[in-house]
Amino acid sequence: MKPFLTLISCAVLAVMLYVTISASLQQDIVSATRQLWPDPWFRATLADAYCGFLFFWLWVVWREQSAARSAFWLILIMTLGNIAMAGYLLVQLRHIRSGENLDRLFSRKVSP
């Protein structure tokens, strides 16, 4: 399961980096937002994405148990979205040895 989660996370990271860089080369985010903001579906999709980011971040807070690390990840998730989320999962997966149970991924970290 670890290789599958790693593959999916890498794929999400690659896709998001590609589409983000491509979009950034064509138009900056400020002018795009100004142009798209009147569309109610844009606002609904944006709210949906940020609510999802918030839910993911709550899992990060629960796992990390460090206010500083949680705040760091909040900033990354709210600014980079799925790029940061895929990165977080990849970082967590690196701490799991090959063949080790993934229960550790879904439990709280033990403070050193």
Protein backbone atom coordinates (compact mmCIF):
# COMPACT_ATOMS: atom_id res chain seq x y z
CA MET A 1 0.00 0.00 0.00
CA LYS A 2 2.91 2.37 0.67
CA PRO A 3 4.12 2.20 -2.96
CA PHE A 4 0.57 2.88 -4.19
CA LEU A 5 0.15 5.92 -1.89
CA THR A 6 3.59 7.17 -2.89
CA LEU A 7 2.73 6.79 -6.59
CA ILE A 8 -0.59 8.62 -6.20
CA SER A 9 1.03 11.41 -4.17
CA CYS A 10 3.80 11.83 -6.75
CA ALA A 11 1.24 11.87 -9.57
CA VAL A 12 -0.87 14.52 -7.82
CA LEU A 13 2.25 16.57 -7.09
CA ALA A 14 3.41 16.34 -10.73
CA VAL A 15 -0.01 17.21 -12.18
CA MET A 16 -0.54 20.12 -9.81
CA LEU A 17 2.94 21.52 -10.45
CA TYR A 18 2.41 21.22 -14.21
CA VAL A 19 -1.01 22.90 -14.30
CA THR A 20 0.02 25.58 -11.78
CA ILE A 21 3.19 26.50 -13.64
CA SER A 22 1.39 26.42 -17.01
CA ALA A 23 -1.39 28.65 -15.73
CA SER A 24 1.09 31.03 -14.07
CA LEU A 25 2.98 31.47 -17.32
CA GLN A 26 -0.23 32.53 -19.06
CA GLN A 27 -1.85 34.73 -16.41
CA ASP A 28 -1.11 35.83 -12.87
CA ILE A 29 -3.45 34.69 -10.10
CA VAL A 30 -4.57 38.20 -9.10
CA SER A 31 -5.87 39.16 -12.55
CA ALA A 32 -7.41 35.69 -13.00
CA THR A 33 -9.25 36.00 -9.69
CA ARG A 34 -10.50 39.46 -10.58
CA GLN A 35 -11.83 38.11 -13.87
CA LEU A 36 -13.36 34.93 -12.41
CA TRP A 37 -14.75 36.22 -9.09
CA PRO A 38 -18.16 37.25 -10.50
CA ASP A 39 -18.84 33.62 -11.53
CA PRO A 40 -20.74 31.89 -8.69
CA TRP A 41 -19.33 28.48 -9.67
CA PHE A 42 -15.80 29.83 -9.30
CA ARG A 43 -16.60 31.00 -5.77
CA ALA A 44 -18.30 27.68 -4.93
CA THR A 45 -15.35 25.67 -6.25
CA LEU A 46 -12.88 27.88 -4.37
CA ALA A 47 -14.86 27.51 -1.12
CA ASP A 48 -15.05 23.75 -1.64
CA ALA A 49 -11.28 23.51 -2.18
CA TYR A 50 -10.43 25.59 0.90
CA CYS A 51 -12.87 23.65 3.09
CA GLY A 52 -11.09 20.48 1.91
CA PHE A 53 -7.72 22.05 2.71
CA LEU A 54 -8.99 22.89 6.19
CA PHE A 55 -10.16 19.32 6.82
CA PHE A 56 -6.79 17.94 5.68
CA TRP A 57 -5.02 20.44 7.92
CA LEU A 58 -7.07 19.24 10.92
CA TRP A 59 -5.58 15.78 10.32
CA VAL A 60 -2.13 17.39 10.21
CA VAL A 61 -2.78 19.18 13.53
CA TRP A 62 -3.96 15.93 15.12
CA ARG A 63 -0.86 14.08 13.88
CA GLU A 64 1.81 16.69 14.53
CA GLN A 65 1.00 17.82 18.10
CA SER A 66 3.30 20.82 17.57
CA ALA A 67 1.75 24.25 17.23
CA ALA A 68 4.69 25.59 15.22
CA ARG A 69 4.71 22.67 12.77
CA SER A 70 0.92 22.81 12.46
CA ALA A 71 1.04 26.55 11.71
CA PHE A 72 3.80 25.96 9.14
CA TRP A 73 1.68 23.33 7.37
CA LEU A 74 -1.42 25.55 7.55
CA ILE A 75 0.43 28.28 5.64
CA LEU A 76 1.73 25.78 3.07
CA ILE A 77 -1.65 24.09 2.59
CA MET A 78 -3.59 27.34 2.29
CA THR A 79 -1.10 28.81 -0.20
CA LEU A 80 -0.08 25.73 -2.20
CA GLY A 81 -3.16 23.52 -1.74
CA ASN A 82 -2.80 20.00 -3.10
CA ILE A 83 0.89 20.57 -3.82
CA ALA A 84 1.52 20.93 -0.08
CA MET A 85 -0.89 18.12 0.78
CA ALA A 86 0.86 15.68 -1.55
CA GLY A 87 4.19 16.84 -0.12
CA TYR A 88 3.00 16.25 3.44
CA LEU A 89 1.86 12.73 2.62
CA LEU A 90 5.16 11.97 0.87
CA VAL A 91 7.10 13.21 3.92
CA GLN A 92 5.00 11.00 6.20
CA LEU A 93 5.37 7.98 3.94
CA ARG A 94 9.17 8.33 4.02
CA HIS A 95 9.06 7.59 7.76
CA ILE A 96 7.38 4.23 7.18
CA ARG A 97 9.74 1.36 6.45
CA SER A 98 9.06 -1.03 3.60
CA GLY A 99 6.68 -3.75 4.74
CA GLU A 100 5.71 -1.80 7.88
CA ASN A 101 2.02 -1.47 8.65
CA LEU A 102 0.41 1.83 7.58
CA ASP A 103 -1.34 2.14 10.94
CA ARG A 104 1.47 4.51 11.89
CA LEU A 105 0.37 6.85 9.10
CA PHE A 106 -3.10 7.10 10.61
CA SER A 107 -2.08 7.52 14.24
CA ARG A 108 -0.73 10.41 16.22
CA LYS A 109 2.96 11.03 16.26
CA VAL A 110 4.68 10.33 19.55
CA SER A 111 6.64 13.32 20.80
CA PRO A 112 10.38 12.56 21.09
